[in-house]
Amino acid sequence: MPDSATARPLITLDEIRATRAAMPSIIRRTPIVPFAGEPLAIGAERLFLKLETHQVTCAYKPRAAFAVMNALSPEARARGVVMTSSGNFAQGFALAGRIMQVPVVVVMLDHTSPYKVAATRAHGAEVYFSGTDASQRQATVERVAKERGMTAIDTWEDRPVSLGHAGIGLEIVEDMPDVEQVLVPVSSGGMAAGTATAIKLLRPDIKVIGVQPERANAYYVSRQKGEPTLIDHWDSMADGLSAVRPGEFPFRHLQKYMDDVVLIPEQAIADAFRALLFGAKVMGEPAGVVAAAGYLAGKVDQSKKTVAVVTGGNLTEAMVQKLLAMSKPA
């Protein structure tokens, strides 16, 4: 099919720039801050944090949500959209829908964080629970959209998703031109693909490395097999990285533009949460600190000047307590 994920052309730098230019003013250019870890390291930092926790809704997802909404026809916007999310994308689409007056239905798993459910509803979106099988969420999206005459959004495969998230990569290169290595978490792949593509099209010399939890490793397995592969087990605190298979469209970008992918244990996520909270005064959700955890756990070259994307900070008080109890004080 000419419109299939495998047939569509990869995103281009001109498209990435045009997508960013079309963003509403509410989308923030997020800061990059140095992380010292200890007082003696101040002034000689090698790790820097790209704080998407400072993005509107406290996560990076609104970048893609507005890109998707901007790509829809006026008729499609009037009918509304249905999409699926573990939480942060839901809030992004709910916000975009409220601002652009587009009805939004979000399909969520039954065990989605109550904090994220409440935040999604607060923006006016409807939440539709679909059970516990993550692999069936998109099928539910298609069914609900057909029943209600709305547009189904496939956040795994829709081209504007990677285009919207690519703005992160543009900002990293523009704001920190001497960066040598960029770390990004990988789930279905849209953010990682967009970020990696923007960076490599501007600066092929910068290493881009994906980071995944050991038990949420769909892209790692897929990369080894050379094709998007469904994993048979998923178990991580990082609920924002809930994909059990990467998308076909982002996978093509990752294979071309991502240099490597590394895995980290759950303990490293908890330790990174504590380190960022007390060392940088940044509260990241488990999925949000995964990239920084890859660096802090020594899974990548720590001699390189590195930017780790901290993708979100939406978590419950109970999760904060769990992470602190699990982590090791410095």
Protein backbone atom coordinates (compact mmCIF):
# COMPACT_ATOMS: atom_id res chain seq x y z
CA MET A 1 0.00 0.00 0.00
CA PRO A 2 1.44 3.41 -0.93
CA ASP A 3 0.32 4.90 2.42
CA SER A 4 1.73 2.08 4.54
CA ALA A 5 4.36 2.71 7.19
CA THR A 6 6.94 0.83 5.13
CA ALA A 7 6.27 2.81 1.93
CA ARG A 8 6.13 6.36 3.28
CA PRO A 9 9.36 8.37 2.88
CA LEU A 10 11.44 9.15 5.92
CA ILE A 11 10.98 12.59 7.46
CA THR A 12 13.21 15.37 6.17
CA LEU A 13 14.96 18.32 7.79
CA ASP A 14 12.79 20.81 5.89
CA GLU A 15 9.67 19.07 7.18
CA ILE A 16 11.02 19.04 10.73
CA ARG A 17 11.71 22.76 10.61
CA ALA A 18 8.31 23.54 9.08
CA THR A 19 6.57 21.45 11.75
CA ARG A 20 8.35 23.30 14.53
CA ALA A 21 7.53 26.67 12.95
CA ALA A 22 3.83 25.75 12.96
CA MET A 23 3.78 24.99 16.68
CA PRO A 24 1.60 27.25 18.84
CA SER A 25 3.30 29.60 21.27
CA ILE A 26 2.25 27.39 24.18
CA ILE A 27 4.92 24.84 23.18
CA ARG A 28 8.08 25.69 25.10
CA ARG A 29 11.71 25.54 24.09
CA THR A 30 12.89 23.49 27.05
CA PRO A 31 16.20 24.13 28.83
CA ILE A 32 19.37 22.06 28.88
CA VAL A 33 21.04 22.13 32.29
CA PRO A 34 24.35 20.66 33.51
CA PHE A 35 24.29 17.81 36.01
CA ALA A 36 27.30 17.66 38.31
CA GLY A 37 26.29 14.91 40.70
CA GLU A 38 28.74 16.16 43.32
CA PRO A 39 30.16 19.58 44.24
CA LEU A 40 33.66 18.95 42.87
CA ALA A 41 32.21 18.21 39.43
CA ILE A 42 30.64 21.66 39.08
CA GLY A 43 32.18 23.44 36.11
CA ALA A 44 33.43 20.20 34.57
CA GLU A 45 30.12 18.48 33.86
CA ARG A 46 29.88 15.85 31.14
CA LEU A 47 26.17 15.08 31.57
CA PHE A 48 23.49 17.60 30.63
CA LEU A 49 19.72 17.20 30.99
CA LYS A 50 17.22 18.25 28.31
CA LEU A 51 14.27 19.03 30.57
CA GLU A 52 11.04 18.09 28.84
CA THR A 53 9.70 18.00 32.40
CA HIS A 54 9.48 21.78 31.83
CA GLN A 55 7.32 21.32 28.73
CA VAL A 56 3.63 22.16 28.99
CA THR A 57 1.87 19.17 30.72
CA CYS A 58 5.32 18.34 32.17
CA ALA A 59 6.18 15.97 29.32
CA TYR A 60 7.34 16.08 25.70
CA LYS A 61 4.17 14.71 24.11
CA PRO A 62 2.34 17.97 23.25
CA ARG A 63 4.95 18.58 20.54
CA ALA A 64 3.60 15.62 18.56
CA ALA A 65 -0.04 16.15 19.56
CA PHE A 66 -0.08 19.62 18.00
CA ALA A 67 1.80 18.34 14.95
CA VAL A 68 -0.87 15.67 14.43
CA MET A 69 -3.74 18.12 14.95
CA ASN A 70 -2.16 20.63 12.52
CA ALA A 71 -1.96 17.91 9.86
CA LEU A 72 -5.69 17.08 10.06
CA SER A 73 -8.29 18.61 7.75
CA PRO A 74 -10.86 20.99 9.28
CA GLU A 75 -13.49 18.30 8.73
CA ALA A 76 -11.47 15.70 10.64
CA ARG A 77 -10.89 18.12 13.51
CA ALA A 78 -14.63 18.77 13.74
CA ARG A 79 -15.36 15.04 14.00
CA GLY A 80 -12.73 14.56 16.69
CA VAL A 81 -9.94 12.05 17.22
CA VAL A 82 -9.37 8.79 19.08
CA MET A 83 -5.90 7.73 20.20
CA THR A 84 -4.24 5.55 22.82
CA SER A 85 -1.73 6.46 25.49
CA SER A 86 -0.28 5.34 28.81
CA GLY A 87 -0.71 8.89 30.07
CA ASN A 88 1.58 11.61 28.77
CA PHE A 89 0.41 11.50 25.17
CA ALA A 90 -3.14 11.50 26.49
CA GLN A 91 -2.52 14.78 28.29
CA GLY A 92 -0.83 16.23 25.22
CA PHE A 93 -3.74 15.38 22.94
CA ALA A 94 -6.28 16.48 25.55
CA LEU A 95 -4.54 19.86 25.80
CA ALA A 96 -4.28 20.24 22.02
CA GLY A 97 -7.93 19.26 21.66
CA ARG A 98 -9.02 21.82 24.24
CA ILE A 99 -7.02 24.64 22.64
CA MET A 100 -7.97 23.73 19.06
CA GLN A 101 -11.56 22.75 19.98
CA VAL A 102 -11.18 19.17 18.76
CA PRO A 103 -13.07 16.40 20.63
CA VAL A 104 -10.59 13.80 21.97
CA VAL A 105 -11.17 10.23 23.18
CA VAL A 106 -8.17 8.49 24.78
CA VAL A 107 -7.96 4.70 25.02
CA MET A 108 -6.06 3.67 28.17
CA LEU A 109 -5.09 0.44 29.87
CA ASP A 110 -6.94 -0.32 33.10
CA HIS A 111 -3.78 0.05 35.19
CA THR A 112 -2.83 3.51 33.88
CA SER A 113 -1.67 5.90 36.61
CA PRO A 114 -4.70 7.59 38.25
CA TYR A 115 -2.71 10.82 38.20
CA LYS A 116 -2.47 10.70 34.41
CA VAL A 117 -6.12 9.70 34.00
CA ALA A 118 -7.25 12.64 36.11
CA ALA A 119 -4.97 15.08 34.28
CA THR A 120 -6.30 13.89 30.91
CA ARG A 121 -9.91 14.34 31.98
CA ALA A 122 -9.11 17.76 33.44
CA HIS A 123 -8.37 19.01 29.92
CA GLY A 124 -11.78 17.80 28.75
CA ALA A 125 -10.89 14.54 27.00
CA GLU A 126 -12.88 11.34 27.43
CA VAL A 127 -11.00 8.32 28.79
CA TYR A 128 -11.98 4.88 27.43
CA PHE A 129 -10.50 1.93 29.33
CA SER A 130 -9.57 -1.09 27.21
CA GLY A 131 -8.39 -3.79 29.62
CA THR A 132 -4.83 -4.91 30.32
CA ASP A 133 -3.48 -6.08 26.94
CA ALA A 134 -1.28 -3.32 25.51
CA SER A 135 -1.09 -5.04 22.12
CA GLN A 136 -4.85 -4.55 21.64
CA ARG A 137 -5.02 -0.83 22.33
CA GLN A 138 -4.77 0.33 18.72
CA ALA A 139 -7.46 -2.14 17.65
CA THR A 140 -9.72 -0.56 20.27
CA VAL A 141 -8.87 2.88 18.89
CA GLU A 142 -9.91 1.80 15.38
CA ARG A 143 -13.17 0.29 16.65
CA VAL A 144 -14.18 3.31 18.75
CA ALA A 145 -13.33 5.70 15.92
CA LYS A 146 -15.48 3.72 13.48
CA GLU A 147 -18.40 3.56 15.91
CA ARG A 148 -18.32 7.30 16.56
CA GLY A 149 -17.32 8.62 13.16
CA MET A 150 -14.06 10.06 14.51
CA THR A 151 -10.48 9.93 13.17
CA ALA A 152 -8.25 7.18 14.53
CA ILE A 153 -4.72 8.35 15.37
CA ASP A 154 -1.96 5.76 15.31
CA THR A 155 0.77 7.24 17.52
CA TRP A 156 3.07 4.35 16.55
CA GLU A 157 2.89 5.03 12.81
CA ASP A 158 1.54 8.53 12.06
CA ARG A 159 4.20 10.60 10.33
CA PRO A 160 3.48 13.88 12.19
CA VAL A 161 4.34 12.17 15.50
CA SER A 162 8.02 11.84 14.66
CA LEU A 163 8.00 15.25 12.98
CA GLY A 164 6.65 16.90 16.12
CA HIS A 165 9.11 15.21 18.44
CA ALA A 166 12.01 16.02 16.13
CA GLY A 167 11.93 19.53 17.54
CA ILE A 168 13.73 18.13 20.58
CA GLY A 169 16.67 17.15 18.40
CA LEU A 170 16.75 20.55 16.69
CA GLU A 171 16.86 22.33 20.04
CA ILE A 172 19.66 20.13 21.38
CA VAL A 173 21.93 20.81 18.41
CA GLU A 174 21.08 24.52 18.29
CA ASP A 175 21.41 25.13 22.02
CA MET A 176 24.44 22.92 22.66
CA PRO A 177 26.52 22.71 19.49
CA ASP A 178 29.45 21.00 21.23
CA VAL A 179 27.39 17.98 22.32
CA GLU A 180 29.02 14.65 21.44
CA GLN A 181 26.38 12.13 22.53
CA VAL A 182 22.60 12.20 23.01
CA LEU A 183 20.63 9.63 25.01
CA VAL A 184 16.91 9.07 24.47
CA PRO A 185 14.45 6.55 25.91
CA VAL A 186 12.76 4.26 23.38
CA SER A 187 9.24 2.83 23.52
CA SER A 188 7.16 2.68 20.32
CA GLY A 189 9.91 4.84 18.84
CA GLY A 190 8.28 8.08 17.68
CA MET A 191 10.19 10.45 19.95
CA ALA A 192 13.48 8.59 19.61
CA ALA A 193 13.10 8.46 15.83
CA GLY A 194 12.29 12.14 15.46
CA THR A 195 15.04 13.24 17.82
CA ALA A 196 17.67 10.98 16.25
CA THR A 197 16.71 11.99 12.71
CA ALA A 198 16.93 15.73 13.43
CA ILE A 199 20.30 15.34 15.13
CA LYS A 200 21.86 13.14 12.47
CA LEU A 201 20.60 15.27 9.58
CA LEU A 202 22.22 18.30 11.20
CA ARG A 203 25.27 16.66 12.78
CA PRO A 204 26.09 13.10 11.69
CA ASP A 205 29.08 13.05 14.06
CA ILE A 206 26.92 13.13 17.21
CA LYS A 207 26.26 9.69 18.67
CA VAL A 208 22.61 8.96 19.38
CA ILE A 209 21.94 6.07 21.75
CA GLY A 210 18.60 4.65 22.84
CA VAL A 211 17.99 3.44 26.39
CA GLN A 212 15.41 0.89 27.49
CA PRO A 213 14.62 -0.99 30.71
CA GLU A 214 15.79 -4.60 30.63
CA ARG A 215 12.20 -5.85 30.88
CA ALA A 216 10.74 -3.31 28.45
CA ASN A 217 13.14 -3.98 25.58
CA ALA A 218 11.03 -4.22 22.43
CA TYR A 219 13.31 -2.04 20.31
CA TYR A 220 16.45 -3.78 21.60
CA VAL A 221 15.04 -7.15 20.52
CA SER A 222 13.76 -5.72 17.24
CA ARG A 223 17.13 -4.18 16.43
CA GLN A 224 18.81 -7.55 16.92
CA LYS A 225 16.28 -9.24 14.64
CA GLY A 226 16.30 -6.46 12.05
CA GLU A 227 12.55 -5.94 12.08
CA PRO A 228 9.83 -4.74 14.49
CA THR A 229 9.26 -7.64 16.88
CA LEU A 230 6.60 -8.25 19.52
CA ILE A 231 8.10 -9.16 22.89
CA ASP A 232 6.24 -11.74 24.97
CA HIS A 233 6.89 -10.16 28.37
CA TRP A 234 6.90 -6.58 29.67
CA ASP A 235 7.49 -5.58 33.29
CA SER A 236 8.86 -2.19 34.31
CA MET A 237 8.14 0.76 36.59
CA ALA A 238 8.55 2.89 33.48
CA ASP A 239 4.90 2.74 32.43
CA GLY A 240 5.50 5.51 29.89
CA LEU A 241 7.62 3.01 27.92
CA SER A 242 4.83 0.47 27.59
CA ALA A 243 5.21 -0.49 23.92
CA VAL A 244 5.69 -4.22 23.41
CA ARG A 245 6.65 -3.63 19.77
CA PRO A 246 8.16 -0.59 18.04
CA GLY A 247 6.25 1.07 15.23
CA GLU A 248 7.20 0.21 11.66
CA PHE A 249 7.65 3.86 10.61
CA PRO A 250 9.83 4.98 13.55
CA PHE A 251 11.78 1.71 13.40
CA ARG A 252 13.02 2.60 9.91
CA HIS A 253 14.38 5.90 11.23
CA LEU A 254 15.97 4.26 14.27
CA GLN A 255 17.74 1.70 12.11
CA LYS A 256 19.18 4.48 9.96
CA TYR A 257 19.92 7.15 12.55
CA MET A 258 20.39 5.51 15.96
CA ASP A 259 23.91 4.33 16.72
CA ASP A 260 23.11 1.86 19.51
CA VAL A 261 20.64 0.90 22.23
CA VAL A 262 21.49 -0.13 25.79
CA LEU A 263 19.47 -1.77 28.56
CA ILE A 264 19.26 -0.79 32.22
CA PRO A 265 17.87 -2.61 35.28
CA GLU A 266 15.00 -1.26 37.36
CA GLN A 267 17.46 -0.39 40.13
CA ALA A 268 19.21 2.06 37.80
CA ILE A 269 15.89 3.83 37.18
CA ALA A 270 15.33 4.32 40.90
CA ASP A 271 18.92 5.46 41.45
CA ALA A 272 18.65 7.97 38.59
CA PHE A 273 15.39 9.30 40.01
CA ARG A 274 17.08 10.00 43.33
CA ALA A 275 20.17 11.49 41.69
CA LEU A 276 18.16 13.92 39.55
CA LEU A 277 15.80 14.83 42.37
CA PHE A 278 18.50 15.77 44.86
CA GLY A 279 21.36 16.58 42.49
CA ALA A 280 19.47 18.67 39.92
CA LYS A 281 16.17 19.40 41.69
CA VAL A 282 14.41 17.65 38.80
CA MET A 283 11.55 15.24 39.47
CA GLY A 284 11.33 12.78 36.59
CA GLU A 285 8.89 9.91 36.26
CA PRO A 286 10.45 6.45 35.83
CA ALA A 287 10.22 6.57 32.02
CA GLY A 288 11.49 10.14 32.10
CA VAL A 289 14.79 9.35 33.81
CA VAL A 290 15.67 6.24 31.77
CA ALA A 291 18.06 8.07 29.44
CA ALA A 292 19.92 9.70 32.32
CA ALA A 293 20.00 6.32 34.06
CA GLY A 294 21.85 4.87 31.07
CA TYR A 295 24.64 7.40 31.60
CA LEU A 296 24.71 7.24 35.41
CA ALA A 297 24.79 3.43 35.34
CA GLY A 298 27.84 3.46 33.07
CA LYS A 299 26.09 1.89 30.08
CA VAL A 300 27.52 4.49 27.67
CA ASP A 301 30.79 6.38 27.20
CA GLN A 302 30.88 8.81 30.14
CA SER A 303 33.83 10.75 28.74
CA LYS A 304 31.68 12.27 25.99
CA LYS A 305 29.76 15.50 26.48
CA THR A 306 26.30 14.01 26.75
CA VAL A 307 22.72 15.24 26.70
CA ALA A 308 20.10 12.92 28.22
CA VAL A 309 16.49 13.75 27.39
CA VAL A 310 14.37 13.77 30.58
CA THR A 311 11.06 13.15 28.89
CA GLY A 312 8.48 13.68 31.64
CA GLY A 313 7.71 14.27 35.28
CA ASN A 314 4.18 13.00 35.81
CA LEU A 315 4.11 10.52 38.70
CA THR A 316 2.15 9.86 41.85
CA GLU A 317 3.26 10.45 45.43
CA ALA A 318 3.17 6.68 45.90
CA MET A 319 5.64 6.20 43.04
CA VAL A 320 7.93 8.88 44.48
CA GLN A 321 7.99 7.02 47.78
CA LYS A 322 8.63 3.71 46.01
CA LEU A 323 11.55 5.10 44.04
CA LEU A 324 13.14 6.71 47.08
CA ALA A 325 12.76 3.54 49.15
CA MET A 326 14.26 1.45 46.36
CA SER A 327 17.15 3.75 45.49
CA LYS A 328 20.56 4.06 47.05
CA PRO A 329 21.45 7.37 48.76
CA ALA A 330 24.59 8.93 47.32
